[in-house]
């Protein structure tokens, strides 16, 4: 089993709450318009985080977090023949 953090946005017109509910998500394969080596690592937070080596100090190498903001999602087409359902566990509290 693999764990990955995702950001989920929900819109609620009235107050509701649920705790540890199982939610099915359809994952669809996409095909990028450009070759993969020309596409940056993009996510829904519109930023790319890379860890780069800093200057060596005292017999050790430190890594520095570099954040780069991305303007837009890379152009892609959906490949609807490949779909997989993944289940996520969700908790939500909304005041409407």
C-alpha atoms as a PDB file:
ATOM      1  CA  UNK A   1       0.000   0.000   0.000  1.00  0.00           C
ATOM      2  CA  UNK A   2       1.305   3.405  -0.925  1.00  0.00           C
ATOM      3  CA  UNK A   3       0.542   6.627   0.888  1.00  0.00           C
ATOM      4  CA  UNK A   4       0.524   9.990  -0.830  1.00  0.00           C
ATOM      5  CA  UNK A   5      -0.737  13.333   0.396  1.00  0.00           C
ATOM      6  CA  UNK A   6      -3.360  14.928  -1.810  1.00  0.00           C
ATOM      7  CA  UNK A   7      -5.272  18.171  -1.486  1.00  0.00           C
ATOM      8  CA  UNK A   8      -9.015  17.866  -1.855  1.00  0.00           C
ATOM      9  CA  UNK A   9     -11.334  20.850  -2.210  1.00  0.00           C
ATOM     10  CA  UNK A  10     -15.006  20.372  -1.417  1.00  0.00           C
ATOM     11  CA  UNK A  11     -17.857  22.851  -1.747  1.00  0.00           C
ATOM     12  CA  UNK A  12     -20.711  22.543   0.699  1.00  0.00           C
ATOM     13  CA  UNK A  13     -23.959  24.557   0.614  1.00  0.00           C
ATOM     14  CA  UNK A  14     -24.993  23.455   4.109  1.00  0.00           C
ATOM     15  CA  UNK A  15     -23.184  22.363   7.275  1.00  0.00           C
ATOM     16  CA  UNK A  16     -21.954  18.774   7.232  1.00  0.00           C
ATOM     17  CA  UNK A  17     -19.220  16.594   8.652  1.00  0.00           C
ATOM     18  CA  UNK A  18     -17.833  13.128   8.169  1.00  0.00           C
ATOM     19  CA  UNK A  19     -14.891  11.293   9.623  1.00  0.00           C
ATOM     20  CA  UNK A  20     -12.715   8.662   7.924  1.00  0.00           C
ATOM     21  CA  UNK A  21     -15.138   8.092   5.049  1.00  0.00           C
ATOM     22  CA  UNK A  22     -14.013   6.017   2.080  1.00  0.00           C
ATOM     23  CA  UNK A  23     -14.215   7.944  -1.202  1.00  0.00           C
ATOM     24  CA  UNK A  24     -13.618   6.400  -4.636  1.00  0.00           C
ATOM     25  CA  UNK A  25     -11.554   8.484  -7.086  1.00  0.00           C
ATOM     26  CA  UNK A  26     -11.221   7.694 -10.771  1.00  0.00           C
ATOM     27  CA  UNK A  27      -7.611   8.120 -11.924  1.00  0.00           C
ATOM     28  CA  UNK A  28      -7.286   8.671 -15.671  1.00  0.00           C
ATOM     29  CA  UNK A  29      -4.052   8.421 -17.624  1.00  0.00           C
ATOM     30  CA  UNK A  30      -3.031  11.594 -19.450  1.00  0.00           C
ATOM     31  CA  UNK A  31      -0.770  12.189 -22.427  1.00  0.00           C
ATOM     32  CA  UNK A  32       1.317  15.370 -22.384  1.00  0.00           C
ATOM     33  CA  UNK A  33       1.610  17.551 -25.497  1.00  0.00           C
ATOM     34  CA  UNK A  34       5.387  17.873 -24.957  1.00  0.00           C
ATOM     35  CA  UNK A  35       8.011  15.175 -24.235  1.00  0.00           C
ATOM     36  CA  UNK A  36       8.315  14.301 -20.526  1.00  0.00           C
ATOM     37  CA  UNK A  37      11.834  15.730 -20.258  1.00  0.00           C
ATOM     38  CA  UNK A  38      10.422  19.185 -21.160  1.00  0.00           C
ATOM     39  CA  UNK A  39       7.666  19.151 -18.525  1.00  0.00           C
ATOM     40  CA  UNK A  40       8.258  20.320 -14.974  1.00  0.00           C
ATOM     41  CA  UNK A  41       6.879  18.450 -11.958  1.00  0.00           C
ATOM     42  CA  UNK A  42       3.564  20.210 -11.574  1.00  0.00           C
ATOM     43  CA  UNK A  43       0.923  19.718  -8.890  1.00  0.00           C
ATOM     44  CA  UNK A  44      -2.370  21.328  -7.913  1.00  0.00           C
ATOM     45  CA  UNK A  45      -0.582  23.656  -5.485  1.00  0.00           C
ATOM     46  CA  UNK A  46       1.055  25.265  -8.558  1.00  0.00           C
ATOM     47  CA  UNK A  47       4.579  24.943  -7.206  1.00  0.00           C
ATOM     48  CA  UNK A  48       7.617  22.777  -7.754  1.00  0.00           C
ATOM     49  CA  UNK A  49       9.813  21.844  -4.803  1.00  0.00           C
ATOM     50  CA  UNK A  50      13.360  20.649  -5.380  1.00  0.00           C
ATOM     51  CA  UNK A  51      16.104  19.805  -2.905  1.00  0.00           C
ATOM     52  CA  UNK A  52      19.543  20.922  -4.066  1.00  0.00           C
ATOM     53  CA  UNK A  53      22.973  20.440  -2.537  1.00  0.00           C
ATOM     54  CA  UNK A  54      24.276  23.392  -0.550  1.00  0.00           C
ATOM     55  CA  UNK A  55      27.921  24.256  -0.003  1.00  0.00           C
ATOM     56  CA  UNK A  56      29.807  21.563   1.936  1.00  0.00           C
ATOM     57  CA  UNK A  57      30.525  22.451   5.536  1.00  0.00           C
ATOM     58  CA  UNK A  58      32.363  20.472   8.210  1.00  0.00           C
ATOM     59  CA  UNK A  59      32.493  17.160   6.341  1.00  0.00           C
ATOM     60  CA  UNK A  60      28.816  17.093   5.463  1.00  0.00           C
ATOM     61  CA  UNK A  61      26.575  18.262   2.672  1.00  0.00           C
ATOM     62  CA  UNK A  62      23.364  20.085   3.475  1.00  0.00           C
ATOM     63  CA  UNK A  63      20.353  20.164   1.203  1.00  0.00           C
ATOM     64  CA  UNK A  64      18.382  23.328   0.594  1.00  0.00           C
ATOM     65  CA  UNK A  65      14.702  23.471  -0.282  1.00  0.00           C
ATOM     66  CA  UNK A  66      14.035  25.522  -3.426  1.00  0.00           C
ATOM     67  CA  UNK A  67      10.435  26.445  -4.279  1.00  0.00           C
ATOM     68  CA  UNK A  68       9.526  27.569  -7.784  1.00  0.00           C
ATOM     69  CA  UNK A  69       6.017  28.729  -8.636  1.00  0.00           C
ATOM     70  CA  UNK A  70       4.568  27.432 -11.898  1.00  0.00           C
ATOM     71  CA  UNK A  71       2.282  29.558 -14.068  1.00  0.00           C
ATOM     72  CA  UNK A  72       0.009  26.876 -15.464  1.00  0.00           C
ATOM     73  CA  UNK A  73      -0.650  23.189 -15.748  1.00  0.00           C
ATOM     74  CA  UNK A  74       1.164  21.553 -18.690  1.00  0.00           C
ATOM     75  CA  UNK A  75      -1.008  20.904 -21.752  1.00  0.00           C
ATOM     76  CA  UNK A  76      -2.304  17.337 -21.797  1.00  0.00           C
ATOM     77  CA  UNK A  77      -5.054  15.149 -23.224  1.00  0.00           C
ATOM     78  CA  UNK A  78      -6.991  12.512 -21.302  1.00  0.00           C
ATOM     79  CA  UNK A  79      -6.460   8.903 -22.342  1.00  0.00           C
ATOM     80  CA  UNK A  80      -9.855   7.546 -21.315  1.00  0.00           C
ATOM     81  CA  UNK A  81      -9.084   3.918 -22.156  1.00  0.00           C
ATOM     82  CA  UNK A  82      -6.963   3.641 -19.009  1.00  0.00           C
ATOM     83  CA  UNK A  83      -8.899   4.315 -15.791  1.00  0.00           C
ATOM     84  CA  UNK A  84      -8.227   3.042 -12.294  1.00  0.00           C
ATOM     85  CA  UNK A  85     -10.301   3.544  -9.151  1.00  0.00           C
ATOM     86  CA  UNK A  86      -8.312   4.461  -6.045  1.00  0.00           C
ATOM     87  CA  UNK A  87      -9.914   4.690  -2.634  1.00  0.00           C
ATOM     88  CA  UNK A  88      -9.022   7.521  -0.263  1.00  0.00           C
ATOM     89  CA  UNK A  89     -10.028   8.082   3.350  1.00  0.00           C
ATOM     90  CA  UNK A  90     -11.461  11.562   3.932  1.00  0.00           C
ATOM     91  CA  UNK A  91     -12.499  13.584   6.973  1.00  0.00           C
ATOM     92  CA  UNK A  92     -14.397  16.860   6.599  1.00  0.00           C
ATOM     93  CA  UNK A  93     -16.028  19.487   8.758  1.00  0.00           C
ATOM     94  CA  UNK A  94     -17.920  22.301   7.046  1.00  0.00           C
ATOM     95  CA  UNK A  95     -20.038  25.115   8.389  1.00  0.00           C
ATOM     96  CA  UNK A  96     -21.729  25.625   5.013  1.00  0.00           C
END
